[in-house]
Amino acid sequence: MASANTGPSHPYWPQHMKLDHYVPNDLSSWYIVTVLFTVFGALVATMWLLSSRASVVPLGTWRRLSLCWFAVCAFVHLVIEGWFALYHEAILGDQAFLSQLWKEYAKGDSRYIIDDNFTICMESVTACMWGPLSLWVVIAFLRQQPSRYILQFVISLGQFYGDVLYFLTEYRDGFQHGELGHPVYFWFYFFFMNALWLVIPGVLIFDSMKQFYGAQSALDTKVMKAKGKQN
C-alpha cells in the first residue's frame, strides 16, 4: 500500500510512496521489452500465415491484419493481463518474468503495484471476457461464422470503453502515478501502448458498423422486393 516513504527507494511515482515487500527487477528494461515484442512479432507472423492457409475463404490484407491484431489481443488479455488479475498482490515482490514485466510497466503507471481497485477490476474483466472472445473472433473469421462481425464489434467496443476509462481516471488523478512527460515511461509505456487500444478498436468498430449497415440494407431490400411481388 502507499504511504509516506520511510523505506528503500524505488522508481515509482508518487516518489513519497512506501512500497512494502518491493524487490527490484533483476532483468533489464531492454531485455523485458525485447522479449515482449519478440513474442508479439512471432504471434503476428504465425497468424499472418495461418490466416492464409486455414481460412475457408480467401481473406484480404486488411482482414488478415485484423486477425493478427486479435491474436495479439488474446495473448495480452489472457496471459499478461490474466497474470496481473491473478497475482496483483504478489507482483511487487515477485521475480517471475511476467511480474517483472508489470513492475517495469508500472514505472509509467504505478496503479499496477499499489492494488488500485479500478485497475484490478478493469484488468480482471478484460482477461475473463475480451481474452477468450479474441480467440473466438479469430476462429469465427477463419471459419466464416455469421457471428464474426458481432464479436469484432463487442470486443472492440469493450476495449475502447475500458481504455477511455483508463485514461480518464488517471487524468482526474492528475497523472500522479508516473513521471509526466517522460519519453519512455509516460509517452511510450503509458500513452502510446494504451492509445493503440483506442485507435485500432475504433477502426474495427467502424468496420463492424459498415458490415451491419450493409447486411441490414440487403435484408431490407429483399423484404421490400418480396412485398412488391405479393402486391
Protein backbone atom coordinates (compact mmCIF):
# COMPACT_ATOMS: atom_id res chain seq x y z
CA MET A 1 0.00 0.00 0.00
CA ALA A 2 1.04 3.62 -0.44
CA SER A 3 2.03 5.89 2.45
CA ALA A 4 4.88 8.19 3.50
CA ASN A 5 8.16 6.72 2.29
CA THR A 6 10.48 5.60 5.08
CA GLY A 7 11.78 2.51 3.29
CA PRO A 8 14.19 1.91 0.43
CA SER A 9 13.98 3.99 -2.75
CA HIS A 10 12.01 2.81 -5.75
CA PRO A 11 11.43 4.02 -9.34
CA TYR A 12 7.70 4.68 -8.98
CA TRP A 13 5.53 7.77 -8.67
CA PRO A 14 4.48 9.45 -6.44
CA GLN A 15 8.01 9.15 -5.10
CA HIS A 16 6.91 9.51 -1.48
CA MET A 17 5.16 6.12 -1.57
CA LYS A 18 6.27 3.38 0.76
CA LEU A 19 6.15 0.05 -1.04
CA ASP A 20 6.38 -2.85 1.36
CA HIS A 21 7.95 -6.06 0.02
CA TYR A 22 9.28 -4.31 -3.11
CA VAL A 23 12.03 -6.29 -4.85
CA PRO A 24 13.82 -4.55 -7.78
CA ASN A 25 13.82 -6.35 -11.11
CA ASP A 26 16.89 -8.41 -11.90
CA LEU A 27 16.11 -8.25 -15.63
CA SER A 28 16.95 -5.10 -17.57
CA SER A 29 14.26 -2.94 -19.13
CA TRP A 30 15.64 -3.58 -22.61
CA TYR A 31 15.55 -7.35 -22.10
CA ILE A 32 11.94 -7.31 -20.90
CA VAL A 33 10.74 -5.08 -23.75
CA THR A 34 12.73 -7.08 -26.35
CA VAL A 35 11.25 -10.40 -25.20
CA LEU A 36 7.74 -8.92 -25.19
CA PHE A 37 7.94 -7.53 -28.72
CA THR A 38 9.64 -10.69 -29.98
CA VAL A 39 6.61 -12.65 -28.78
CA PHE A 40 4.31 -10.11 -30.44
CA GLY A 41 6.25 -10.47 -33.69
CA ALA A 42 6.05 -14.26 -33.56
CA LEU A 43 2.30 -14.10 -32.96
CA VAL A 44 1.77 -11.72 -35.87
CA ALA A 45 3.89 -13.85 -38.23
CA THR A 46 2.11 -17.05 -37.18
CA MET A 47 -1.35 -15.52 -37.53
CA TRP A 48 -0.47 -13.99 -40.89
CA LEU A 49 0.45 -17.44 -42.24
CA LEU A 50 -2.50 -19.14 -40.56
CA SER A 51 -4.97 -16.62 -41.98
CA SER A 52 -3.84 -17.60 -45.45
CA ARG A 53 -3.76 -21.37 -45.01
CA ALA A 54 -6.56 -22.11 -42.53
CA SER A 55 -9.32 -19.79 -43.75
CA VAL A 56 -12.21 -21.42 -45.61
CA VAL A 57 -12.30 -18.44 -48.00
CA PRO A 58 -9.51 -16.10 -49.15
CA LEU A 59 -9.05 -13.12 -46.83
CA GLY A 60 -7.79 -9.72 -47.90
CA THR A 61 -4.75 -7.98 -46.45
CA TRP A 62 -6.83 -5.76 -44.16
CA ARG A 63 -8.77 -8.73 -42.74
CA ARG A 64 -5.61 -10.75 -42.17
CA LEU A 65 -4.03 -7.82 -40.33
CA SER A 66 -7.12 -7.54 -38.13
CA LEU A 67 -6.77 -11.22 -37.22
CA CYS A 68 -3.12 -10.60 -36.32
CA TRP A 69 -4.36 -7.84 -34.02
CA PHE A 70 -6.86 -10.13 -32.32
CA ALA A 71 -4.21 -12.83 -31.88
CA VAL A 72 -2.01 -10.31 -30.06
CA CYS A 73 -5.05 -9.18 -28.05
CA ALA A 74 -5.77 -12.76 -26.99
CA PHE A 75 -2.20 -13.14 -25.72
CA VAL A 76 -2.16 -9.78 -23.94
CA HIS A 77 -5.57 -10.25 -22.32
CA LEU A 78 -5.28 -13.92 -21.35
CA VAL A 79 -1.60 -14.20 -20.45
CA ILE A 80 -0.25 -10.79 -19.46
CA GLU A 81 -3.39 -9.22 -18.00
CA GLY A 82 -4.56 -12.59 -16.73
CA TRP A 83 -1.32 -12.82 -14.73
CA PHE A 84 -1.99 -9.41 -13.23
CA ALA A 85 -5.58 -10.33 -12.34
CA LEU A 86 -4.41 -13.46 -10.54
CA TYR A 87 -1.19 -12.27 -8.89
CA HIS A 88 -1.55 -8.50 -8.45
CA GLU A 89 -1.00 -8.81 -4.69
CA ALA A 90 2.34 -10.60 -5.15
CA ILE A 91 3.79 -8.79 -8.18
CA LEU A 92 5.71 -6.18 -6.17
CA GLY A 93 8.00 -8.77 -4.60
CA ASP A 94 7.91 -11.48 -7.27
CA GLN A 95 10.63 -12.15 -9.82
CA ALA A 96 8.74 -14.22 -12.40
CA PHE A 97 9.11 -12.73 -15.88
CA LEU A 98 5.50 -11.51 -16.10
CA SER A 99 5.74 -9.94 -12.64
CA GLN A 100 8.91 -8.14 -13.69
CA LEU A 101 7.10 -7.05 -16.86
CA TRP A 102 4.37 -5.45 -14.76
CA LYS A 103 6.92 -3.83 -12.41
CA GLU A 104 8.62 -2.36 -15.48
CA TYR A 105 5.34 -1.07 -16.91
CA ALA A 106 4.38 0.37 -13.50
CA LYS A 107 7.18 2.91 -13.93
CA GLY A 108 4.69 4.61 -16.23
CA ASP A 109 1.60 3.83 -14.13
CA SER A 110 2.15 2.80 -10.51
CA ARG A 111 -1.51 1.85 -10.09
CA TYR A 112 -0.40 -1.62 -11.12
CA ILE A 113 1.69 -2.15 -7.99
CA ILE A 114 -0.48 -0.42 -5.34
CA ASP A 115 -3.63 -2.59 -5.52
CA ASP A 116 -5.66 0.13 -7.23
CA ASN A 117 -9.31 -1.02 -7.27
CA PHE A 118 -10.15 0.30 -10.73
CA THR A 119 -7.09 -1.27 -12.33
CA ILE A 120 -7.70 -4.66 -10.71
CA CYS A 121 -11.37 -4.71 -11.74
CA MET A 122 -10.68 -3.50 -15.28
CA GLU A 123 -7.89 -5.99 -15.92
CA SER A 124 -9.89 -8.86 -14.43
CA VAL A 125 -12.86 -8.14 -16.70
CA THR A 126 -10.52 -7.75 -19.68
CA ALA A 127 -8.78 -11.08 -19.02
CA CYS A 128 -12.02 -13.01 -18.44
CA MET A 129 -14.07 -11.52 -21.28
CA TRP A 130 -12.00 -9.97 -24.06
CA GLY A 131 -9.29 -12.65 -23.90
CA PRO A 132 -11.49 -15.67 -24.74
CA LEU A 133 -13.59 -13.63 -27.16
CA SER A 134 -10.44 -12.54 -29.02
CA LEU A 135 -9.66 -16.21 -29.64
CA TRP A 136 -13.24 -16.83 -30.71
CA VAL A 137 -13.26 -13.97 -33.21
CA VAL A 138 -10.13 -15.35 -34.89
CA ILE A 139 -11.81 -18.73 -35.29
CA ALA A 140 -15.04 -17.06 -36.43
CA PHE A 141 -13.29 -15.23 -39.28
CA LEU A 142 -11.26 -18.27 -40.32
CA ARG A 143 -14.44 -20.38 -40.44
CA GLN A 144 -16.64 -17.56 -41.80
CA GLN A 145 -19.08 -17.86 -38.91
CA PRO A 146 -22.07 -15.43 -39.05
CA SER A 147 -21.15 -14.13 -35.59
CA ARG A 148 -17.76 -12.77 -36.65
CA TYR A 149 -18.63 -9.08 -37.01
CA ILE A 150 -20.77 -9.12 -33.88
CA LEU A 151 -17.81 -10.49 -31.94
CA GLN A 152 -15.48 -7.93 -33.50
CA PHE A 153 -17.85 -5.12 -32.54
CA VAL A 154 -18.39 -6.31 -28.95
CA ILE A 155 -14.67 -6.86 -28.26
CA SER A 156 -13.58 -3.60 -29.86
CA LEU A 157 -16.26 -1.57 -28.08
CA GLY A 158 -15.27 -3.13 -24.75
CA GLN A 159 -11.60 -2.40 -25.36
CA PHE A 160 -12.32 1.17 -26.44
CA TYR A 161 -14.55 1.88 -23.44
CA GLY A 162 -12.10 0.35 -20.97
CA ASP A 163 -9.24 2.38 -22.40
CA VAL A 164 -11.23 5.62 -22.21
CA LEU A 165 -11.88 4.93 -18.53
CA TYR A 166 -8.21 4.04 -18.03
CA PHE A 167 -7.01 7.38 -19.40
CA LEU A 168 -9.76 9.47 -17.79
CA THR A 169 -9.27 8.07 -14.29
CA GLU A 170 -5.56 8.85 -14.45
CA TYR A 171 -6.30 12.31 -15.86
CA ARG A 172 -8.64 13.01 -12.93
CA ASP A 173 -5.89 11.84 -10.58
CA GLY A 174 -3.59 14.46 -12.11
CA PHE A 175 -1.27 11.94 -13.80
CA GLN A 176 0.30 11.36 -10.41
CA HIS A 177 1.18 7.68 -10.95
CA GLY A 178 4.01 8.29 -13.39
CA GLU A 179 6.57 10.91 -14.37
CA LEU A 180 4.54 13.22 -16.61
CA GLY A 181 6.30 13.80 -19.93
CA HIS A 182 8.98 11.12 -19.53
CA PRO A 183 9.86 9.95 -23.07
CA VAL A 184 9.74 6.23 -22.24
CA TYR A 185 7.62 5.78 -19.14
CA PHE A 186 4.92 8.32 -19.95
CA TRP A 187 4.88 8.66 -23.73
CA PHE A 188 5.74 5.07 -24.71
CA TYR A 189 4.53 2.87 -21.83
CA PHE A 190 1.53 4.85 -20.65
CA PHE A 191 0.38 6.82 -23.69
CA PHE A 192 1.42 5.02 -26.89
CA MET A 193 0.92 1.42 -25.76
CA ASN A 194 -2.57 2.23 -24.48
CA ALA A 195 -3.54 4.58 -27.31
CA LEU A 196 -3.34 1.57 -29.63
CA TRP A 197 -6.41 0.22 -27.84
CA LEU A 198 -8.28 3.38 -28.82
CA VAL A 199 -7.18 3.73 -32.44
CA ILE A 200 -7.37 0.13 -33.66
CA PRO A 201 -10.62 -0.81 -31.88
CA GLY A 202 -12.08 2.46 -33.13
CA VAL A 203 -11.33 1.45 -36.71
CA LEU A 204 -12.75 -2.05 -36.11
CA ILE A 205 -15.92 -0.62 -34.56
CA PHE A 206 -16.44 1.45 -37.71
CA ASP A 207 -15.72 -1.60 -39.87
CA SER A 208 -18.31 -3.66 -37.97
CA MET A 209 -20.90 -0.92 -38.29
CA LYS A 210 -20.35 -0.82 -42.07
CA GLN A 211 -20.94 -4.57 -42.21
CA PHE A 212 -24.11 -4.27 -40.08
CA TYR A 213 -25.38 -1.43 -42.28
CA GLY A 214 -24.71 -3.39 -45.45
CA ALA A 215 -26.37 -6.55 -44.12
CA GLN A 216 -29.44 -4.65 -42.89
CA SER A 217 -29.73 -2.77 -46.19
CA ALA A 218 -29.58 -6.03 -48.14
CA LEU A 219 -32.22 -7.58 -45.88
CA ASP A 220 -34.49 -4.54 -46.18
CA THR A 221 -34.14 -4.62 -49.97
CA LYS A 222 -35.00 -8.31 -50.03
CA VAL A 223 -38.07 -7.77 -47.85
CA MET A 224 -39.28 -4.86 -49.99
CA LYS A 225 -38.88 -6.90 -53.17
CA ALA A 226 -40.83 -9.80 -51.61
CA LYS A 227 -43.62 -7.45 -50.59
CA GLY A 228 -43.65 -5.93 -54.09
CA LYS A 229 -44.15 -9.35 -55.65
CA GLN A 230 -47.01 -10.13 -53.26
CA ASN A 231 -48.77 -6.90 -54.24
